[in-house]
Protein backbone atom coordinates (compact mmCIF):
# COMPACT_ATOMS: atom_id res chain seq x y z
CA UNK A 1 0.00 0.00 0.00
CA UNK A 2 1.38 3.42 -0.97
CA UNK A 3 1.91 6.29 1.50
CA UNK A 4 -0.98 8.18 -0.09
CA UNK A 5 -3.31 5.18 0.31
CA UNK A 6 -2.25 4.76 3.94
CA UNK A 7 -3.10 8.37 4.72
CA UNK A 8 -6.43 8.13 2.85
CA UNK A 9 -7.40 5.08 4.89
CA UNK A 10 -6.44 6.89 8.11
CA UNK A 11 -8.62 9.84 7.13
CA UNK A 12 -11.52 7.52 6.28
CA UNK A 13 -11.36 5.79 9.67
CA UNK A 14 -11.10 9.12 11.43
CA UNK A 15 -14.11 10.52 9.55
CA UNK A 16 -16.22 7.45 10.39
CA UNK A 17 -15.40 7.90 14.07
CA UNK A 18 -16.53 11.50 13.99
CA UNK A 19 -19.88 10.54 12.46
CA UNK A 20 -20.71 8.62 15.63
CA UNK A 21 -20.69 11.84 17.67
CA UNK A 22 -23.98 13.74 17.75
CA UNK A 23 -23.82 17.01 15.82
CA UNK A 24 -25.27 19.01 18.71
CA UNK A 25 -22.40 17.98 20.98
CA UNK A 26 -20.01 20.43 19.33
CA UNK A 27 -17.50 20.71 22.15
CA UNK A 28 -17.06 16.95 22.40
CA UNK A 29 -16.70 16.75 18.62
CA UNK A 30 -14.07 19.49 18.70
CA UNK A 31 -12.02 17.67 21.33
CA UNK A 32 -12.16 14.40 19.37
CA UNK A 33 -11.21 16.32 16.25
CA UNK A 34 -8.18 17.87 17.97
CA UNK A 35 -6.94 14.54 19.32
CA UNK A 36 -7.48 12.82 16.00
CA UNK A 37 -5.58 15.51 14.11
CA UNK A 38 -2.59 15.34 16.45
CA UNK A 39 -2.57 11.51 16.27
CA UNK A 40 -2.69 11.58 12.46
CA UNK A 41 0.06 14.15 12.19
CA UNK A 42 2.28 12.22 14.59
CA UNK A 43 1.78 8.86 12.90
CA UNK A 44 2.08 10.10 9.31
CA UNK A 45 4.36 13.12 9.80
CA UNK A 46 6.89 12.01 7.15
CA UNK A 47 4.24 11.28 4.53
CA UNK A 48 2.34 14.50 5.27
CA UNK A 49 5.43 16.70 4.83
CA UNK A 50 5.77 15.84 1.17
CA UNK A 51 2.12 15.89 0.13
CA UNK A 52 0.64 19.33 -0.49
CA UNK A 53 -2.92 18.03 -0.98
CA UNK A 54 -2.83 16.31 2.40
CA UNK A 55 -1.45 19.47 4.02
CA UNK A 56 -4.42 21.45 2.71
CA UNK A 57 -6.86 18.86 4.00
CA UNK A 58 -5.36 18.88 7.48
CA UNK A 59 -5.37 22.68 7.54
CA UNK A 60 -9.12 22.60 6.91
CA UNK A 61 -9.61 20.08 9.73
CA UNK A 62 -7.51 22.26 12.03
CA UNK A 63 -9.71 25.28 11.28
CA UNK A 64 -12.82 23.23 12.09
CA UNK A 65 -11.23 22.33 15.44
CA UNK A 66 -10.26 25.96 16.20
CA UNK A 67 -6.59 24.98 16.07
CA UNK A 68 -3.68 26.94 14.55
CA UNK A 69 -3.16 26.21 10.85
CA UNK A 70 0.45 25.14 11.37
CA UNK A 71 0.69 21.37 11.03
CA UNK A 72 2.35 19.74 14.02
CA UNK A 73 1.46 22.54 16.44
CA UNK A 74 -0.98 21.97 19.30
CA UNK A 75 -3.28 24.60 20.80
CA UNK A 76 -0.57 27.26 21.13
CA UNK A 77 1.87 28.63 18.55
CA UNK A 78 5.06 29.52 20.42
CA UNK A 79 8.42 30.62 19.07
CA UNK A 80 10.21 28.31 21.52
CA UNK A 81 8.72 25.28 19.76
CA UNK A 82 10.39 26.12 16.45
CA UNK A 83 13.93 24.82 15.84
CA UNK A 84 14.15 27.17 12.86
CA UNK A 85 13.11 30.54 14.31
CA UNK A 86 12.91 32.09 10.85
CA UNK A 87 10.01 29.71 10.10
CA UNK A 88 8.12 31.11 13.09
CA UNK A 89 8.72 34.65 11.83
CA UNK A 90 7.54 33.76 8.31
CA UNK A 91 4.38 32.05 9.58
CA UNK A 92 3.69 34.98 11.93
CA UNK A 93 4.16 37.46 9.07
CA UNK A 94 1.59 35.53 7.01
CA UNK A 95 -0.94 35.62 9.85
CA UNK A 96 -0.28 39.32 10.47
CA UNK A 97 -0.85 40.18 6.82
CA UNK A 98 -4.16 38.28 6.76
CA UNK A 99 -5.39 39.87 10.00
CA UNK A 100 -4.16 43.33 8.97
CA UNK A 101 -5.90 43.32 5.59
CA UNK A 102 -9.18 42.16 7.13
CA UNK A 103 -9.17 44.27 10.30
CA UNK A 104 -8.06 47.51 8.60
CA UNK A 105 -10.82 47.46 5.96
CA UNK A 106 -13.08 49.76 7.96
CA UNK A 107 -10.12 52.12 8.55
CA UNK A 108 -9.18 52.60 4.92
CA UNK A 109 -6.35 50.09 5.17
CA UNK A 110 -4.42 51.82 7.95
CA UNK A 111 -4.08 51.09 11.66
CA UNK A 112 -1.90 52.19 14.53
CA UNK A 113 0.56 49.61 15.84
CA UNK A 114 -1.02 49.53 19.31
CA UNK A 115 -4.49 48.97 17.90
CA UNK A 116 -3.25 46.28 15.55
CA UNK A 117 -1.56 44.35 18.38
CA UNK A 118 -4.88 44.28 20.25
CA UNK A 119 -6.73 43.13 17.14
CA UNK A 120 -4.15 40.41 16.42
CA UNK A 121 -4.46 38.96 19.93
CA UNK A 122 -8.23 38.87 19.53
CA UNK A 123 -8.21 37.33 16.05
CA UNK A 124 -5.37 34.86 16.66
CA UNK A 125 -5.80 33.75 20.30
CA UNK A 126 -3.69 30.62 19.69
CA UNK A 127 -0.62 32.68 18.85
CA UNK A 128 1.85 33.74 21.52
CA UNK A 129 3.33 36.78 19.81
CA UNK A 130 4.64 39.69 21.93
CA UNK A 131 4.59 43.15 20.37
CA UNK A 132 8.33 43.01 19.56
CA UNK A 133 7.73 39.89 17.45
CA UNK A 134 4.78 41.51 15.71
CA UNK A 135 6.95 44.54 14.91
CA UNK A 136 9.69 42.29 13.50
CA UNK A 137 7.13 40.52 11.32
CA UNK A 138 5.78 43.84 10.05
CA UNK A 139 9.31 44.96 9.19
CA UNK A 140 9.78 41.63 7.38
CA UNK A 141 6.62 42.32 5.32
CA UNK A 142 7.85 45.84 4.53
CA UNK A 143 11.25 44.56 3.35
CA UNK A 144 9.47 42.00 1.19
CA UNK A 145 7.48 44.83 -0.41
CA UNK A 146 4.13 43.47 0.77
CA UNK A 147 3.29 46.55 2.85
CA UNK A 148 4.82 50.04 3.09
CA UNK A 149 7.24 50.72 5.93
CA UNK A 150 5.91 51.74 9.35
CA UNK A 151 5.57 55.48 9.96
CA UNK A 152 6.20 57.01 13.36
CA UNK A 153 3.49 59.51 14.34
CA UNK A 154 3.57 62.55 16.64
CA UNK A 155 1.92 60.40 19.29
CA UNK A 156 5.03 58.13 19.18
CA UNK A 157 2.86 55.28 17.91
CA UNK A 158 3.53 53.74 14.50
CA UNK A 159 1.12 53.80 11.59
CA UNK A 160 0.74 50.65 9.51
CA UNK A 161 -0.86 50.59 6.09
CA UNK A 162 -2.02 47.31 4.61
CA UNK A 163 -2.69 48.81 1.19
CA UNK A 164 -0.15 48.01 -1.53
CA UNK A 165 0.64 51.70 -2.12
CA UNK A 166 3.14 54.08 -0.61
CA UNK A 167 1.77 57.06 1.29
CA UNK A 168 3.25 60.22 -0.20
CA UNK A 169 4.75 62.99 1.92
CA UNK A 170 1.72 65.28 2.11
CA UNK A 171 -0.51 62.45 3.31
CA UNK A 172 1.97 61.47 6.02
CA UNK A 173 2.19 65.10 7.18
CA UNK A 174 -1.59 65.38 7.54
CA UNK A 175 -1.85 62.01 9.32
CA UNK A 176 0.83 63.13 11.73
CA UNK A 177 -1.09 66.29 12.60
CA UNK A 178 -4.40 64.41 12.91
CA UNK A 179 -2.87 61.67 15.08
CA UNK A 180 -3.11 63.75 18.26
CA UNK A 181 -6.92 64.07 18.15
CA UNK A 182 -8.15 61.81 15.37
CA UNK A 183 -9.74 64.67 13.46
CA UNK A 184 -8.70 67.89 11.69
CA UNK A 185 -10.12 70.69 9.57
CA UNK A 186 -8.67 72.39 6.50
CA UNK A 187 -8.31 75.66 8.40
CA UNK A 188 -6.39 73.96 11.23
CA UNK A 189 -3.89 72.41 8.85
CA UNK A 190 -3.36 75.72 7.04
CA UNK A 191 -2.78 77.45 10.38
CA UNK A 192 -0.35 74.80 11.65
CA UNK A 193 1.91 74.31 8.63
CA UNK A 194 1.04 77.23 6.37
CA UNK A 195 0.12 75.28 3.25
CA UNK A 196 -2.12 76.75 0.57
CA UNK A 197 -5.75 75.80 1.07
CA UNK A 198 -5.82 74.01 -2.31
CA UNK A 199 -2.91 71.75 -1.32
CA UNK A 200 -4.61 70.80 1.94
CA UNK A 201 -7.93 70.08 0.22
CA UNK A 202 -6.20 67.92 -2.41
CA UNK A 203 -4.46 65.85 0.28
CA UNK A 204 -7.63 65.40 2.31
CA UNK A 205 -9.53 64.43 -0.83
CA UNK A 206 -6.87 61.79 -1.48
CA UNK A 207 -7.32 60.45 2.07
CA UNK A 208 -11.10 60.41 1.67
CA UNK A 209 -10.90 58.53 -1.63
CA UNK A 210 -8.74 55.89 0.04
CA UNK A 211 -11.31 55.76 2.89
CA UNK A 212 -8.68 56.72 5.45
CA UNK A 213 -10.63 59.87 6.33
CA UNK A 214 -14.33 60.77 6.41
CA UNK A 215 -15.69 64.27 5.97
CA UNK A 216 -18.35 65.55 8.37
CA UNK A 217 -20.09 68.30 6.38
CA UNK A 218 -22.00 69.59 9.41
CA UNK A 219 -18.86 70.01 11.53
CA UNK A 220 -16.62 70.81 8.52
CA UNK A 221 -14.05 68.36 9.93
CA UNK A 222 -12.27 65.27 8.62
CA UNK A 223 -12.30 62.23 10.92
CA UNK A 224 -9.69 59.46 10.85
CA UNK A 225 -11.20 56.23 12.28
CA UNK A 226 -7.82 54.53 12.71
CA UNK A 227 -6.52 57.46 14.77
CA UNK A 228 -9.51 58.06 17.01
CA UNK A 229 -8.85 57.71 20.71
CA UNK A 230 -10.65 54.80 22.36
């Protein structure tokens, strides 16, 4: 019997065992699923490593069991468990990019570093990733050209953008000014840095088009959701 046939048989037996558990008993099913996944990965670890299709199938099972996607990892993803630390950093960078793209949608693709760390912990509870590791992963993504580099704001926090475009100088200047309160008007920007009104309006229009800023016509103020104080 080939390696592929052995794994297929193991999956079939595992699936039949799961069918015996009542659908309404979700927690019990999840525990059986977790144990079965770990047993399969342990027994067929050599065969699994070289078979992409099997990897994808196990990843799906892991998601169903609320487990990390990394094959061979239990309930917690910890750097100490990786012999090759660079692998941990690469996997973390992948997770960060996925979370960042999804969580920053309502903010026009930008988020502060502090806010992102909180969101990452919430969205990836199985990951043990301190802020210094998250920062390293973000820098890795920036070097790889997948996101622009981090920008340090007046508030000392860093701004992350998960859009595949560089923020030009005028936009960064306005975001820096707005970072202290989360909102700004055209008149305030003109008064602070002395730009022509037309230049300020063009920059704010650019921010609005990218959904990084929202104009309140009644208040005549631009709000920046990613910079608002909680």
